[in-house]
Amino acid sequence: MEEKIRLTQYSHGAGCGCKLSPAVLDGILSRVGKQGAHATLLVGNSSKDDAAVMDLGDGTAIISTTDFFMPIVDDAVSFGKIAATNAISDVYAMGGTPLMAIAILGWPIDKLHPDVAGDVLEGGRMICEAAGIPLAGGHSIDCPEPIFGLAVTGRVAIKHLKQNNTARVNDVLFLTKGLGVGMVTTAQKKGLASGEDVDAAVASMQTLNVIGAELGLMEGVHALTDVTGFGLLGHLVEMCEGAQISAEIVADAIPQLLPGRLRHYHDLGCVPGGTKRNFKSYGHHCSVQEGFFADLLCDPQTSGGLLISVSPDSVAEVKILGEKFGMNLLPIGAMKAKKDVLITVL
């Protein structure tokens, strides 16, 4: 009987939990020279946004992004699907629609058969097809650990472009997916997660953030970003810093991937290493009591949901759009005038 391949055994990290911590990344970027002036570059790396955006001169712009990581699940096809969903999300987070993708593959040829890599690529292709785009090519290297992701090109009408640094005071905050993927996948690695709970996490990670393209059409949506490896608090800190305002969120209002079950995994010590690295990087910006909610809010999300900052006048419109996509969107907090602490967790 052929032994089943467990991809997570071949990598030291998992999913977006592989990301460098915000503090380490800031240190690296501080060594990079300042970007020169480019008249057609609408969004570069200065705002810590989800993708770069270039003006095409006809009222539209090209969105360019890349994302890749090591396996967060054992199944090769599922890994490919999750990595592709996560990469395409950056385009939706800018209010755009994807056009095409190319693959990024690192593979330990001496440890894993190329057929397994083919399954990973097939998973990526399936998600690209679901998004209505081709997986048009890519690049591969022999690598000590398996790595997969996409470079994605998208397009957006400039008037519908959404950024992460344009939130306004009194905006209402929504989150389109429940938190807790990191806790569940950590529990899986320890052999403590039920199959049903793992299936729920995988289903969430494979769900495209297509709603972002329609949120881009709404004038009342002031800012948009996707929640990934830095956790909800980390991406909200970036949103607050960019707009130079603060935020208040209500812990009990935060959607959870598995309400009730996540506390069980937390009690068993199923907290990803990235959670603590995240809090160490930006915890000084947040007023939050240590414990379950602090760990949940810093939990590294792989292919997480969209964080929406919307005018109070457009809240009903966003809720209706959520219903169209099968989401029961409820407010999780609001943007406030700038305080000494960027984020207060109530």
Protein backbone atom coordinates (compact mmCIF):
# COMPACT_ATOMS: atom_id res chain seq x y z
CA MET A 1 0.00 0.00 0.00
CA GLU A 2 1.40 3.38 -1.02
CA GLU A 3 2.17 5.67 1.91
CA LYS A 4 0.14 8.89 1.87
CA ILE A 5 2.27 12.01 1.44
CA ARG A 6 1.94 14.55 4.25
CA LEU A 7 3.24 17.81 2.83
CA THR A 8 3.40 19.64 6.16
CA GLN A 9 6.14 17.23 7.29
CA TYR A 10 8.46 18.72 4.67
CA SER A 11 8.33 22.36 5.78
CA HIS A 12 9.24 24.25 8.93
CA GLY A 13 6.41 26.78 8.51
CA ALA A 14 2.84 26.76 7.29
CA GLY A 15 0.83 29.04 5.01
CA CYS A 16 0.87 32.73 5.79
CA GLY A 17 2.37 31.87 9.17
CA CYS A 18 5.64 31.64 7.18
CA LYS A 19 5.61 35.40 6.66
CA LEU A 20 8.34 37.44 8.26
CA SER A 21 7.01 39.27 11.29
CA PRO A 22 5.99 42.91 10.75
CA ALA A 23 8.94 44.10 12.85
CA VAL A 24 11.48 42.05 10.88
CA LEU A 25 9.96 43.10 7.57
CA ASP A 26 10.10 46.77 8.56
CA GLY A 27 13.77 46.34 9.42
CA ILE A 28 14.52 44.80 6.03
CA LEU A 29 12.61 47.46 4.10
CA SER A 30 14.43 50.21 6.01
CA ARG A 31 17.60 49.06 4.21
CA VAL A 32 16.01 49.59 0.81
CA GLY A 33 16.42 52.92 -0.95
CA LYS A 34 13.39 55.12 -1.35
CA GLN A 35 11.30 54.56 -4.41
CA GLY A 36 11.82 57.17 -7.09
CA ALA A 37 8.98 59.19 -8.56
CA HIS A 38 6.96 57.31 -11.18
CA ALA A 39 4.04 59.35 -12.46
CA THR A 40 1.98 56.31 -13.43
CA LEU A 41 2.54 54.32 -10.22
CA LEU A 42 -0.59 54.82 -8.14
CA VAL A 43 0.23 52.39 -5.32
CA GLY A 44 3.74 51.24 -4.44
CA ASN A 45 5.38 49.82 -1.35
CA SER A 46 5.19 52.98 0.72
CA SER A 47 1.65 52.32 1.99
CA LYS A 48 2.05 48.61 2.89
CA ASP A 49 -0.90 47.86 0.63
CA ASP A 50 -1.90 44.49 -0.80
CA ALA A 51 -0.65 45.05 -4.36
CA ALA A 52 1.06 47.51 -6.68
CA VAL A 53 -1.12 49.54 -9.05
CA MET A 54 -0.06 51.20 -12.31
CA ASP A 55 -2.13 53.77 -14.23
CA LEU A 56 -2.72 52.72 -17.85
CA GLY A 57 -3.76 56.22 -18.89
CA ASP A 58 -7.28 55.28 -19.97
CA GLY A 59 -9.07 55.48 -16.64
CA THR A 60 -8.03 51.96 -15.69
CA ALA A 61 -5.03 50.52 -13.90
CA ILE A 62 -3.09 47.27 -13.73
CA ILE A 63 -2.85 45.51 -10.36
CA SER A 64 0.25 43.38 -9.77
CA THR A 65 0.87 41.12 -6.78
CA THR A 66 2.58 37.93 -5.67
CA ASP A 67 2.16 35.57 -2.74
CA PHE A 68 3.61 32.16 -1.97
CA PHE A 69 4.26 29.95 1.06
CA MET A 70 4.96 26.47 2.41
CA PRO A 71 2.23 23.85 2.89
CA ILE A 72 -0.46 24.49 5.48
CA VAL A 73 -2.27 21.22 4.69
CA ASP A 74 -1.03 17.76 3.78
CA ASP A 75 -3.04 17.20 0.61
CA ALA A 76 -1.25 18.47 -2.50
CA VAL A 77 -4.30 19.59 -4.49
CA SER A 78 -5.73 21.39 -1.44
CA PHE A 79 -2.39 23.13 -0.86
CA GLY A 80 -2.43 24.36 -4.45
CA LYS A 81 -5.99 25.61 -4.13
CA ILE A 82 -5.32 27.46 -0.88
CA ALA A 83 -2.12 29.11 -2.12
CA ALA A 84 -3.84 30.25 -5.32
CA THR A 85 -6.89 31.58 -3.48
CA ASN A 86 -4.63 33.51 -1.13
CA ALA A 87 -2.61 35.09 -3.95
CA ILE A 88 -5.63 36.13 -6.01
CA SER A 89 -7.16 37.72 -2.91
CA ASP A 90 -4.77 40.68 -3.15
CA VAL A 91 -6.42 41.76 -6.40
CA TYR A 92 -9.90 41.58 -4.87
CA ALA A 93 -8.60 43.54 -1.87
CA MET A 94 -7.82 46.43 -4.22
CA GLY A 95 -11.38 46.36 -5.56
CA GLY A 96 -10.19 44.81 -8.82
CA THR A 97 -10.74 41.73 -10.94
CA PRO A 98 -7.96 39.24 -11.80
CA LEU A 99 -6.78 38.83 -15.40
CA MET A 100 -4.18 36.04 -15.29
CA ALA A 101 -1.68 34.32 -13.04
CA ILE A 102 1.72 32.66 -13.31
CA ALA A 103 2.97 30.03 -10.87
CA ILE A 104 5.87 30.17 -8.42
CA LEU A 105 7.05 26.67 -7.44
CA GLY A 106 9.92 25.54 -5.24
CA TRP A 107 10.22 21.76 -4.92
CA PRO A 108 12.55 19.38 -3.03
CA ILE A 109 13.09 16.96 -5.91
CA ASP A 110 15.23 14.66 -3.75
CA LYS A 111 12.41 14.26 -1.21
CA LEU A 112 9.10 14.56 -3.06
CA HIS A 113 8.15 13.09 -6.42
CA PRO A 114 7.43 15.59 -9.23
CA ASP A 115 3.94 14.06 -9.58
CA VAL A 116 3.06 15.59 -6.20
CA ALA A 117 4.16 18.98 -7.51
CA GLY A 118 1.88 18.37 -10.47
CA ASP A 119 -1.03 17.89 -8.07
CA VAL A 120 -0.19 21.19 -6.36
CA LEU A 121 -0.18 22.99 -9.70
CA GLU A 122 -3.46 21.34 -10.64
CA GLY A 123 -5.02 22.70 -7.46
CA GLY A 124 -3.78 26.16 -8.37
CA ARG A 125 -5.15 25.81 -11.89
CA MET A 126 -8.58 24.79 -10.54
CA ILE A 127 -8.83 27.94 -8.44
CA CYS A 128 -7.66 30.12 -11.32
CA GLU A 129 -10.39 28.55 -13.44
CA ALA A 130 -12.94 29.28 -10.70
CA ALA A 131 -11.77 32.92 -10.74
CA GLY A 132 -12.16 33.00 -14.53
CA ILE A 133 -8.46 33.43 -15.33
CA PRO A 134 -5.73 31.31 -16.92
CA LEU A 135 -2.73 29.93 -15.08
CA ALA A 136 -0.56 31.10 -17.93
CA GLY A 137 2.93 29.95 -16.99
CA GLY A 138 5.41 30.26 -14.17
CA HIS A 139 8.84 29.47 -12.81
CA SER A 140 10.17 26.57 -10.73
CA ILE A 141 13.33 25.82 -8.74
CA ASP A 142 14.80 22.90 -6.82
CA CYS A 143 14.25 23.97 -3.23
CA PRO A 144 14.85 22.38 0.22
CA GLU A 145 11.18 22.79 1.14
CA PRO A 146 7.99 22.82 -0.96
CA ILE A 147 6.80 26.32 -1.85
CA PHE A 148 3.93 27.36 -4.06
CA GLY A 149 2.10 30.55 -4.96
CA LEU A 150 1.15 32.85 -7.78
CA ALA A 151 2.04 36.17 -9.30
CA VAL A 152 -1.31 37.67 -10.28
CA THR A 153 -2.20 40.49 -12.65
CA GLY A 154 -5.53 42.26 -12.29
CA ARG A 155 -7.33 45.34 -13.53
CA VAL A 156 -9.45 48.03 -11.92
CA ALA A 157 -11.15 51.26 -12.93
CA ILE A 158 -9.15 53.92 -11.09
CA LYS A 159 -12.31 55.48 -9.67
CA HIS A 160 -13.09 52.11 -8.04
CA LEU A 161 -9.60 51.44 -6.68
CA LYS A 162 -9.59 50.60 -2.97
CA GLN A 163 -6.59 51.02 -0.69
CA ASN A 164 -5.77 50.15 2.91
CA ASN A 165 -4.82 53.67 3.99
CA THR A 166 -7.99 55.61 3.13
CA ALA A 167 -10.30 54.79 6.05
CA ARG A 168 -12.16 57.68 7.66
CA VAL A 169 -13.23 58.53 11.19
CA ASN A 170 -16.63 56.97 12.06
CA ASP A 171 -16.32 54.30 9.35
CA VAL A 172 -17.83 50.97 10.36
CA LEU A 173 -15.65 47.85 10.16
CA PHE A 174 -16.66 44.45 8.74
CA LEU A 175 -14.74 41.18 8.30
CA THR A 176 -15.88 38.68 5.67
CA LYS A 177 -14.35 35.47 7.08
CA GLY A 178 -14.07 34.05 10.58
CA LEU A 179 -10.70 34.04 12.35
CA GLY A 180 -8.95 30.98 13.72
CA VAL A 181 -7.40 29.17 10.75
CA GLY A 182 -3.99 29.25 12.43
CA MET A 183 -5.29 27.63 15.61
CA VAL A 184 -7.05 24.85 13.71
CA THR A 185 -4.10 24.02 11.47
CA THR A 186 -1.79 24.04 14.49
CA ALA A 187 -4.17 21.62 16.20
CA GLN A 188 -4.07 19.46 13.09
CA LYS A 189 -0.26 19.32 13.20
CA LYS A 190 -0.49 18.17 16.82
CA GLY A 191 -3.07 15.54 15.95
CA LEU A 192 -5.72 17.26 18.07
CA ALA A 193 -8.12 18.64 15.43
CA SER A 194 -11.24 16.82 14.33
CA GLY A 195 -11.63 16.08 10.63
CA GLU A 196 -14.77 18.22 10.55
CA ASP A 197 -12.93 21.23 11.95
CA VAL A 198 -10.04 20.82 9.52
CA ASP A 199 -12.52 20.58 6.65
CA ALA A 200 -14.11 23.86 7.77
CA ALA A 201 -10.71 25.58 7.84
CA VAL A 202 -9.79 24.24 4.39
CA ALA A 203 -13.14 25.31 2.95
CA SER A 204 -12.63 28.83 4.30
CA MET A 205 -9.10 29.06 2.89
CA GLN A 206 -10.30 27.88 -0.52
CA THR A 207 -13.09 30.46 -0.74
CA LEU A 208 -12.26 33.27 -3.16
CA ASN A 209 -12.80 36.84 -1.94
CA VAL A 210 -14.78 37.63 -5.09
CA ILE A 211 -16.94 40.05 -3.09
CA GLY A 212 -14.00 42.48 -3.21
CA ALA A 213 -14.62 43.30 -6.87
CA GLU A 214 -18.17 44.42 -6.04
CA LEU A 215 -17.09 46.25 -2.89
CA GLY A 216 -14.83 48.22 -5.21
CA LEU A 217 -17.89 49.57 -6.99
CA MET A 218 -19.27 51.07 -3.77
CA GLU A 219 -18.36 54.70 -3.13
CA GLY A 220 -19.12 54.26 0.57
CA VAL A 221 -16.40 51.62 0.97
CA HIS A 222 -13.49 53.85 1.95
CA ALA A 223 -10.77 51.26 2.60
CA LEU A 224 -10.21 47.57 2.00
CA THR A 225 -7.52 45.00 2.81
CA ASP A 226 -7.28 41.25 3.21
CA VAL A 227 -6.38 39.68 6.54
CA THR A 228 -3.51 37.23 6.22
CA GLY A 229 -0.31 36.41 8.10
CA PHE A 230 -0.18 39.49 10.32
CA GLY A 231 -3.58 38.67 11.82
CA LEU A 232 -6.55 40.99 12.12
CA LEU A 233 -4.81 43.37 14.52
CA GLY A 234 -1.72 43.65 12.32
CA HIS A 235 -3.65 44.53 9.19
CA LEU A 236 -5.87 46.92 11.13
CA VAL A 237 -2.76 48.60 12.55
CA GLU A 238 -1.60 49.17 8.95
CA MET A 239 -5.02 50.60 8.10
CA CYS A 240 -4.91 52.96 11.08
CA GLU A 241 -1.31 54.05 10.47
CA GLY A 242 -2.01 54.75 6.82
CA ALA A 243 -5.06 56.90 7.55
CA GLN A 244 -3.57 58.38 10.76
CA ILE A 245 -6.62 57.45 12.82
CA SER A 246 -7.48 54.82 15.44
CA ALA A 247 -9.99 52.00 15.76
CA GLU A 248 -12.17 50.30 18.35
CA ILE A 249 -13.25 46.69 17.87
CA VAL A 250 -15.56 44.54 19.98
CA ALA A 251 -14.04 41.17 20.84
CA ASP A 252 -17.36 39.33 21.05
CA ALA A 253 -18.37 40.67 17.62
CA ILE A 254 -15.34 39.20 15.81
CA PRO A 255 -16.47 36.32 13.57
CA GLN A 256 -14.83 33.01 14.49
CA LEU A 257 -14.24 30.15 12.11
CA LEU A 258 -15.51 27.65 14.70
CA PRO A 259 -17.44 29.44 17.46
CA GLY A 260 -16.94 27.57 20.73
CA ARG A 261 -14.43 25.10 19.30
CA LEU A 262 -11.54 27.56 19.01
CA ARG A 263 -11.40 28.06 22.77
CA HIS A 264 -11.00 24.30 23.11
CA TYR A 265 -7.98 24.31 20.82
CA HIS A 266 -6.59 27.39 22.53
CA ASP A 267 -6.87 25.65 25.91
CA LEU A 268 -4.89 22.75 24.43
CA GLY A 269 -2.07 25.17 23.54
CA CYS A 270 -2.76 25.22 19.80
CA VAL A 271 -1.37 28.71 19.20
CA PRO A 272 0.86 29.22 16.14
CA GLY A 273 4.33 30.63 16.70
CA GLY A 274 3.41 33.46 14.36
CA THR A 275 0.76 34.65 16.82
CA LYS A 276 3.35 35.63 19.42
CA ARG A 277 5.68 37.11 16.79
CA ASN A 278 2.79 39.22 15.55
CA PHE A 279 1.92 40.56 18.98
CA LYS A 280 5.57 41.29 19.74
CA SER A 281 5.73 43.37 16.55
CA TYR A 282 2.65 45.54 17.02
CA GLY A 283 1.16 44.83 20.45
CA HIS A 284 2.38 48.20 21.72
CA HIS A 285 -0.14 49.81 19.36
CA CYS A 286 -3.05 47.85 20.84
CA SER A 287 -5.01 47.88 24.07
CA VAL A 288 -6.05 44.25 24.49
CA GLN A 289 -6.06 41.87 27.43
CA GLU A 290 -3.79 38.85 27.06
CA GLY A 291 -5.56 35.54 26.57
CA PHE A 292 -7.84 33.92 24.03
CA PHE A 293 -9.04 37.04 22.23
CA ALA A 294 -5.56 38.55 21.97
CA ASP A 295 -4.30 35.31 20.42
CA LEU A 296 -7.33 35.08 18.12
CA LEU A 297 -6.87 38.64 16.88
CA CYS A 298 -3.16 38.01 16.20
CA ASP A 299 -3.74 34.54 14.71
CA PRO A 300 -1.98 34.33 11.31
CA GLN A 301 -4.68 33.85 8.70
CA THR A 302 -3.95 32.02 5.49
CA SER A 303 -6.30 33.16 2.73
CA GLY A 304 -8.33 35.14 5.25
CA GLY A 305 -11.26 37.46 4.69
CA LEU A 306 -11.52 41.08 3.66
CA LEU A 307 -11.47 43.87 6.26
CA ILE A 308 -13.86 46.59 5.11
CA SER A 309 -13.99 50.20 6.33
CA VAL A 310 -17.29 51.68 5.20
CA SER A 311 -19.25 54.89 5.68
CA PRO A 312 -22.15 54.55 8.16
CA ASP A 313 -24.46 55.58 5.30
CA SER A 314 -23.43 52.51 3.29
CA VAL A 315 -23.63 49.86 6.01
CA ALA A 316 -26.99 48.54 4.80
CA GLU A 317 -25.66 48.29 1.23
CA VAL A 318 -22.66 46.24 2.39
CA LYS A 319 -24.88 43.92 4.40
CA ILE A 320 -27.11 43.32 1.36
CA LEU A 321 -24.05 42.56 -0.77
CA GLY A 322 -22.86 40.13 1.90
CA GLU A 323 -26.18 38.30 1.72
CA LYS A 324 -25.70 37.93 -2.04
CA PHE A 325 -22.48 36.03 -1.31
CA GLY A 326 -23.98 34.00 1.53
CA MET A 327 -22.43 36.10 4.30
CA ASN A 328 -24.13 37.45 7.40
CA LEU A 329 -21.95 40.54 7.77
CA LEU A 330 -22.12 42.25 11.15
CA PRO A 331 -20.10 45.26 12.37
CA ILE A 332 -17.00 44.41 14.40
CA GLY A 333 -16.04 47.97 15.33
CA ALA A 334 -15.43 51.46 14.01
CA MET A 335 -12.69 53.91 13.09
CA LYS A 336 -12.09 56.73 15.55
CA ALA A 337 -10.12 59.94 15.80
CA LYS A 338 -6.45 59.25 16.46
CA LYS A 339 -5.52 58.33 20.04
CA ASP A 340 -2.27 57.33 21.73
CA VAL A 341 -3.26 53.69 21.18
CA LEU A 342 -4.16 52.79 17.60
CA ILE A 343 -6.51 49.91 18.41
CA THR A 344 -8.68 49.41 21.47
CA VAL A 345 -10.30 46.01 21.93
CA LEU A 346 -13.52 46.34 23.93
